[in-house]
């Protein structure tokens, strides 16, 4: 998991928690599984972008 600062948020993403768009320029969280799924070489292929508030609710 890592924080993306506003100046580094260059694209819009769909938050998997609330299904709303995270517009470009909005700080947010990127998270991926620590252990990749079976058959995958990296968990980074499964990273997802969350609103900060959506990520906090999950924890």
PDB file of N, CA and C in Angstrom:
ATOM      1  N   UNK A   1       0.841  -1.162   0.000  1.00  0.00           N
ATOM      2  CA  UNK A   1       0.000   0.000   0.000  1.00  0.00           C
ATOM      3  C   UNK A   1       0.890   1.229   0.000  1.00  0.00           C
ATOM      4  N   UNK A   2       0.467   2.244  -0.748  1.00  0.00           N
ATOM      5  CA  UNK A   2       1.199   3.503  -0.702  1.00  0.00           C
ATOM      6  C   UNK A   2       0.252   4.652  -0.981  1.00  0.00           C
ATOM      7  N   UNK A   3       0.628   5.811  -0.482  1.00  0.00           N
ATOM      8  CA  UNK A   3      -0.121   7.040  -0.710  1.00  0.00           C
ATOM      9  C   UNK A   3       0.324   7.667  -2.025  1.00  0.00           C
ATOM     10  N   UNK A   4      -0.619   8.163  -2.793  1.00  0.00           N
ATOM     11  CA  UNK A   4      -0.310   8.909  -4.011  1.00  0.00           C
ATOM     12  C   UNK A   4      -0.656  10.368  -3.729  1.00  0.00           C
ATOM     13  N   UNK A   5       0.331  11.233  -3.860  1.00  0.00           N
ATOM     14  CA  UNK A   5       0.116  12.661  -3.631  1.00  0.00           C
ATOM     15  C   UNK A   5      -0.613  13.273  -4.816  1.00  0.00           C
ATOM     16  N   UNK A   6      -1.279  14.381  -4.579  1.00  0.00           N
ATOM     17  CA  UNK A   6      -2.085  15.040  -5.614  1.00  0.00           C
ATOM     18  C   UNK A   6      -1.273  15.331  -6.865  1.00  0.00           C
ATOM     19  N   UNK A   7      -0.058  15.813  -6.695  1.00  0.00           N
ATOM     20  CA  UNK A   7       0.754  16.169  -7.868  1.00  0.00           C
ATOM     21  C   UNK A   7       1.225  14.949  -8.659  1.00  0.00           C
ATOM     22  N   UNK A   8       1.124  13.769  -8.071  1.00  0.00           N
ATOM     23  CA  UNK A   8       1.513  12.532  -8.762  1.00  0.00           C
ATOM     24  C   UNK A   8       0.313  11.738  -9.276  1.00  0.00           C
ATOM     25  N   UNK A   9      -0.876  12.211  -8.998  1.00  0.00           N
ATOM     26  CA  UNK A   9      -2.103  11.523  -9.434  1.00  0.00           C
ATOM     27  C   UNK A   9      -2.468  12.031 -10.830  1.00  0.00           C
ATOM     28  N   UNK A  10      -1.890  11.416 -11.836  1.00  0.00           N
ATOM     29  CA  UNK A  10      -2.008  11.910 -13.209  1.00  0.00           C
ATOM     30  C   UNK A  10      -3.226  11.384 -13.957  1.00  0.00           C
ATOM     31  N   UNK A  11      -3.840  10.305 -13.474  1.00  0.00           N
ATOM     32  CA  UNK A  11      -4.966   9.682 -14.175  1.00  0.00           C
ATOM     33  C   UNK A  11      -6.159   9.550 -13.243  1.00  0.00           C
ATOM     34  N   UNK A  12      -7.317   9.353 -13.825  1.00  0.00           N
ATOM     35  CA  UNK A  12      -8.516   9.043 -13.047  1.00  0.00           C
ATOM     36  C   UNK A  12      -8.606   7.528 -12.877  1.00  0.00           C
ATOM     37  N   UNK A  13      -9.113   7.094 -11.732  1.00  0.00           N
ATOM     38  CA  UNK A  13      -9.282   5.674 -11.442  1.00  0.00           C
ATOM     39  C   UNK A  13     -10.665   5.445 -10.845  1.00  0.00           C
ATOM     40  N   UNK A  14     -11.132   4.224 -10.900  1.00  0.00           N
ATOM     41  CA  UNK A  14     -12.397   3.852 -10.285  1.00  0.00           C
ATOM     42  C   UNK A  14     -12.104   3.176  -8.953  1.00  0.00           C
ATOM     43  N   UNK A  15     -12.639   3.722  -7.881  1.00  0.00           N
ATOM     44  CA  UNK A  15     -12.444   3.150  -6.549  1.00  0.00           C
ATOM     45  C   UNK A  15     -13.273   1.872  -6.433  1.00  0.00           C
ATOM     46  N   UNK A  16     -12.658   0.739  -6.096  1.00  0.00           N
ATOM     47  CA  UNK A  16     -13.402  -0.524  -6.002  1.00  0.00           C
ATOM     48  C   UNK A  16     -14.307  -0.600  -4.775  1.00  0.00           C
ATOM     49  N   UNK A  17     -14.135   0.309  -3.843  1.00  0.00           N
ATOM     50  CA  UNK A  17     -14.942   0.279  -2.626  1.00  0.00           C
ATOM     51  C   UNK A  17     -16.287   0.979  -2.829  1.00  0.00           C
ATOM     52  N   UNK A  18     -16.274   2.195  -3.386  1.00  0.00           N
ATOM     53  CA  UNK A  18     -17.508   2.970  -3.546  1.00  0.00           C
ATOM     54  C   UNK A  18     -17.963   3.060  -5.006  1.00  0.00           C
ATOM     55  N   UNK A  19     -17.132   2.567  -5.919  1.00  0.00           N
ATOM     56  CA  UNK A  19     -17.434   2.556  -7.354  1.00  0.00           C
ATOM     57  C   UNK A  19     -17.583   3.958  -7.940  1.00  0.00           C
ATOM     58  N   UNK A  20     -16.930   4.935  -7.310  1.00  0.00           N
ATOM     59  CA  UNK A  20     -16.903   6.305  -7.815  1.00  0.00           C
ATOM     60  C   UNK A  20     -15.521   6.604  -8.376  1.00  0.00           C
ATOM     61  N   UNK A  21     -15.465   7.583  -9.251  1.00  0.00           N
ATOM     62  CA  UNK A  21     -14.199   7.963  -9.869  1.00  0.00           C
ATOM     63  C   UNK A  21     -13.326   8.747  -8.893  1.00  0.00           C
ATOM     64  N   UNK A  22     -12.048   8.456  -8.922  1.00  0.00           N
ATOM     65  CA  UNK A  22     -11.040   9.264  -8.242  1.00  0.00           C
ATOM     66  C   UNK A  22     -10.440  10.127  -9.351  1.00  0.00           C
ATOM     67  N   UNK A  23     -10.769  11.407  -9.402  1.00  0.00           N
ATOM     68  CA  UNK A  23     -10.275  12.243 -10.504  1.00  0.00           C
ATOM     69  C   UNK A  23      -8.756  12.426 -10.455  1.00  0.00           C
ATOM     70  N   UNK A  24      -8.182  12.732 -11.592  1.00  0.00           N
ATOM     71  CA  UNK A  24      -6.759  13.079 -11.635  1.00  0.00           C
ATOM     72  C   UNK A  24      -6.537  14.283 -10.726  1.00  0.00           C
ATOM     73  N   UNK A  25      -5.404  14.306 -10.052  1.00  0.00           N
ATOM     74  CA  UNK A  25      -5.076  15.414  -9.170  1.00  0.00           C
ATOM     75  C   UNK A  25      -5.579  15.267  -7.751  1.00  0.00           C
ATOM     76  N   UNK A  26      -6.229  14.141  -7.444  1.00  0.00           N
ATOM     77  CA  UNK A  26      -6.750  13.905  -6.089  1.00  0.00           C
ATOM     78  C   UNK A  26      -5.861  12.877  -5.397  1.00  0.00           C
ATOM     79  N   UNK A  27      -5.359  13.197  -4.195  1.00  0.00           N
ATOM     80  CA  UNK A  27      -4.550  12.201  -3.472  1.00  0.00           C
ATOM     81  C   UNK A  27      -5.400  10.980  -3.133  1.00  0.00           C
ATOM     82  N   UNK A  28      -4.761   9.813  -3.138  1.00  0.00           N
ATOM     83  CA  UNK A  28      -5.476   8.570  -2.852  1.00  0.00           C
ATOM     84  C   UNK A  28      -4.493   7.482  -2.447  1.00  0.00           C
ATOM     85  N   UNK A  29      -5.005   6.283  -2.213  1.00  0.00           N
ATOM     86  CA  UNK A  29      -4.201   5.132  -1.783  1.00  0.00           C
ATOM     87  C   UNK A  29      -4.174   4.095  -2.897  1.00  0.00           C
ATOM     88  N   UNK A  30      -3.001   3.508  -3.111  1.00  0.00           N
ATOM     89  CA  UNK A  30      -2.871   2.360  -4.014  1.00  0.00           C
ATOM     90  C   UNK A  30      -2.512   1.160  -3.147  1.00  0.00           C
ATOM     91  N   UNK A  31      -3.266   0.092  -3.302  1.00  0.00           N
ATOM     92  CA  UNK A  31      -3.036  -1.116  -2.504  1.00  0.00           C
ATOM     93  C   UNK A  31      -2.976  -2.327  -3.415  1.00  0.00           C
ATOM     94  N   UNK A  32      -2.193  -3.327  -2.996  1.00  0.00           N
ATOM     95  CA  UNK A  32      -2.075  -4.581  -3.742  1.00  0.00           C
ATOM     96  C   UNK A  32      -1.820  -5.691  -2.748  1.00  0.00           C
ATOM     97  N   UNK A  33      -2.138  -6.922  -3.114  1.00  0.00           N
ATOM     98  CA  UNK A  33      -1.949  -8.032  -2.167  1.00  0.00           C
ATOM     99  C   UNK A  33      -0.470  -8.297  -1.899  1.00  0.00           C
ATOM    100  N   UNK A  34      -0.177  -8.604  -0.650  1.00  0.00           N
ATOM    101  CA  UNK A  34       1.200  -8.930  -0.264  1.00  0.00           C
ATOM    102  C   UNK A  34       1.644 -10.237  -0.926  1.00  0.00           C
ATOM    103  N   UNK A  35       0.740 -11.199  -0.961  1.00  0.00           N
ATOM    104  CA  UNK A  35       1.001 -12.483  -1.603  1.00  0.00           C
ATOM    105  C   UNK A  35       0.213 -12.526  -2.905  1.00  0.00           C
ATOM    106  N   UNK A  36       0.885 -12.713  -4.037  1.00  0.00           N
ATOM    107  CA  UNK A  36       0.153 -12.739  -5.305  1.00  0.00           C
ATOM    108  C   UNK A  36      -0.762 -13.950  -5.399  1.00  0.00           C
ATOM    109  N   UNK A  37      -1.868 -13.808  -6.131  1.00  0.00           N
ATOM    110  CA  UNK A  37      -2.751 -14.952  -6.346  1.00  0.00           C
ATOM    111  C   UNK A  37      -2.017 -16.090  -7.066  1.00  0.00           C
ATOM    112  N   UNK A  38      -2.528 -17.279  -6.948  1.00  0.00           N
ATOM    113  CA  UNK A  38      -1.919 -18.444  -7.595  1.00  0.00           C
ATOM    114  C   UNK A  38      -1.819 -18.188  -9.099  1.00  0.00           C
ATOM    115  N   UNK A  39      -0.664 -18.437  -9.644  1.00  0.00           N
ATOM    116  CA  UNK A  39      -0.433 -18.248 -11.071  1.00  0.00           C
ATOM    117  C   UNK A  39       0.087 -16.872 -11.430  1.00  0.00           C
ATOM    118  N   UNK A  40       0.060 -15.942 -10.492  1.00  0.00           N
ATOM    119  CA  UNK A  40       0.563 -14.587 -10.752  1.00  0.00           C
ATOM    120  C   UNK A  40       1.996 -14.480 -10.255  1.00  0.00           C
ATOM    121  N   UNK A  41       2.789 -13.690 -10.934  1.00  0.00           N
ATOM    122  CA  UNK A  41       4.180 -13.518 -10.520  1.00  0.00           C
ATOM    123  C   UNK A  41       4.361 -12.355  -9.562  1.00  0.00           C
ATOM    124  N   UNK A  42       3.377 -11.439  -9.515  1.00  0.00           N
ATOM    125  CA  UNK A  42       3.490 -10.275  -8.652  1.00  0.00           C
ATOM    126  C   UNK A  42       2.114  -9.803  -8.225  1.00  0.00           C
ATOM    127  N   UNK A  43       2.033  -9.332  -6.999  1.00  0.00           N
ATOM    128  CA  UNK A  43       0.791  -8.738  -6.530  1.00  0.00           C
ATOM    129  C   UNK A  43       0.529  -7.385  -7.164  1.00  0.00           C
ATOM    130  N   UNK A  44       1.573  -6.761  -7.728  1.00  0.00           N
ATOM    131  CA  UNK A  44       1.412  -5.448  -8.361  1.00  0.00           C
ATOM    132  C   UNK A  44       0.445  -5.483  -9.534  1.00  0.00           C
ATOM    133  N   UNK A  45       0.299  -6.637 -10.160  1.00  0.00           N
ATOM    134  CA  UNK A  45      -0.660  -6.762 -11.251  1.00  0.00           C
ATOM    135  C   UNK A  45      -2.101  -6.612 -10.749  1.00  0.00           C
ATOM    136  N   UNK A  46      -2.300  -6.706  -9.454  1.00  0.00           N
ATOM    137  CA  UNK A  46      -3.629  -6.656  -8.847  1.00  0.00           C
ATOM    138  C   UNK A  46      -3.824  -5.404  -7.998  1.00  0.00           C
ATOM    139  N   UNK A  47      -3.032  -4.376  -8.230  1.00  0.00           N
ATOM    140  CA  UNK A  47      -3.161  -3.145  -7.440  1.00  0.00           C
ATOM    141  C   UNK A  47      -4.462  -2.430  -7.790  1.00  0.00           C
ATOM    142  N   UNK A  48      -4.997  -1.760  -6.773  1.00  0.00           N
ATOM    143  CA  UNK A  48      -6.254  -1.030  -6.906  1.00  0.00           C
ATOM    144  C   UNK A  48      -6.086   0.343  -6.258  1.00  0.00           C
ATOM    145  N   UNK A  49      -6.810   1.315  -6.764  1.00  0.00           N
ATOM    146  CA  UNK A  49      -6.747   2.691  -6.283  1.00  0.00           C
ATOM    147  C   UNK A  49      -8.010   2.997  -5.488  1.00  0.00           C
ATOM    148  N   UNK A  50      -7.835   3.480  -4.251  1.00  0.00           N
ATOM    149  CA  UNK A  50      -8.940   3.762  -3.343  1.00  0.00           C
ATOM    150  C   UNK A  50      -8.920   5.224  -2.917  1.00  0.00           C
ATOM    151  N   UNK A  51     -10.115   5.808  -2.713  1.00  0.00           N
ATOM    152  CA  UNK A  51     -10.173   7.094  -2.022  1.00  0.00           C
ATOM    153  C   UNK A  51      -9.573   6.873  -0.629  1.00  0.00           C
ATOM    154  N   UNK A  52      -8.946   7.891  -0.071  1.00  0.00           N
ATOM    155  CA  UNK A  52      -8.392   7.760   1.280  1.00  0.00           C
ATOM    156  C   UNK A  52      -9.471   7.322   2.273  1.00  0.00           C
ATOM    157  N   UNK A  53     -10.645   7.941   2.195  1.00  0.00           N
ATOM    158  CA  UNK A  53     -11.722   7.623   3.142  1.00  0.00           C
ATOM    159  C   UNK A  53     -12.235   6.189   2.946  1.00  0.00           C
ATOM    160  N   UNK A  54     -12.313   5.734   1.717  1.00  0.00           N
ATOM    161  CA  UNK A  54     -12.748   4.350   1.458  1.00  0.00           C
ATOM    162  C   UNK A  54     -11.731   3.361   2.019  1.00  0.00           C
ATOM    163  N   UNK A  55     -10.458   3.657   1.863  1.00  0.00           N
ATOM    164  CA  UNK A  55      -9.415   2.774   2.389  1.00  0.00           C
ATOM    165  C   UNK A  55      -9.489   2.721   3.917  1.00  0.00           C
ATOM    166  N   UNK A  56      -9.699   3.856   4.562  1.00  0.00           N
ATOM    167  CA  UNK A  56      -9.783   3.894   6.025  1.00  0.00           C
ATOM    168  C   UNK A  56     -10.972   3.070   6.526  1.00  0.00           C
ATOM    169  N   UNK A  57     -12.093   3.121   5.825  1.00  0.00           N
ATOM    170  CA  UNK A  57     -13.265   2.334   6.231  1.00  0.00           C
ATOM    171  C   UNK A  57     -12.989   0.829   6.159  1.00  0.00           C
ATOM    172  N   UNK A  58     -12.142   0.413   5.227  1.00  0.00           N
ATOM    173  CA  UNK A  58     -11.826  -1.023   5.085  1.00  0.00           C
ATOM    174  C   UNK A  58     -11.009  -1.535   6.249  1.00  0.00           C
ATOM    175  N   UNK A  59     -10.249  -0.695   6.881  1.00  0.00           N
ATOM    176  CA  UNK A  59      -9.316  -1.130   7.911  1.00  0.00           C
ATOM    177  C   UNK A  59      -9.967  -1.311   9.210  1.00  0.00           C
TER     178      UNK A  59
END
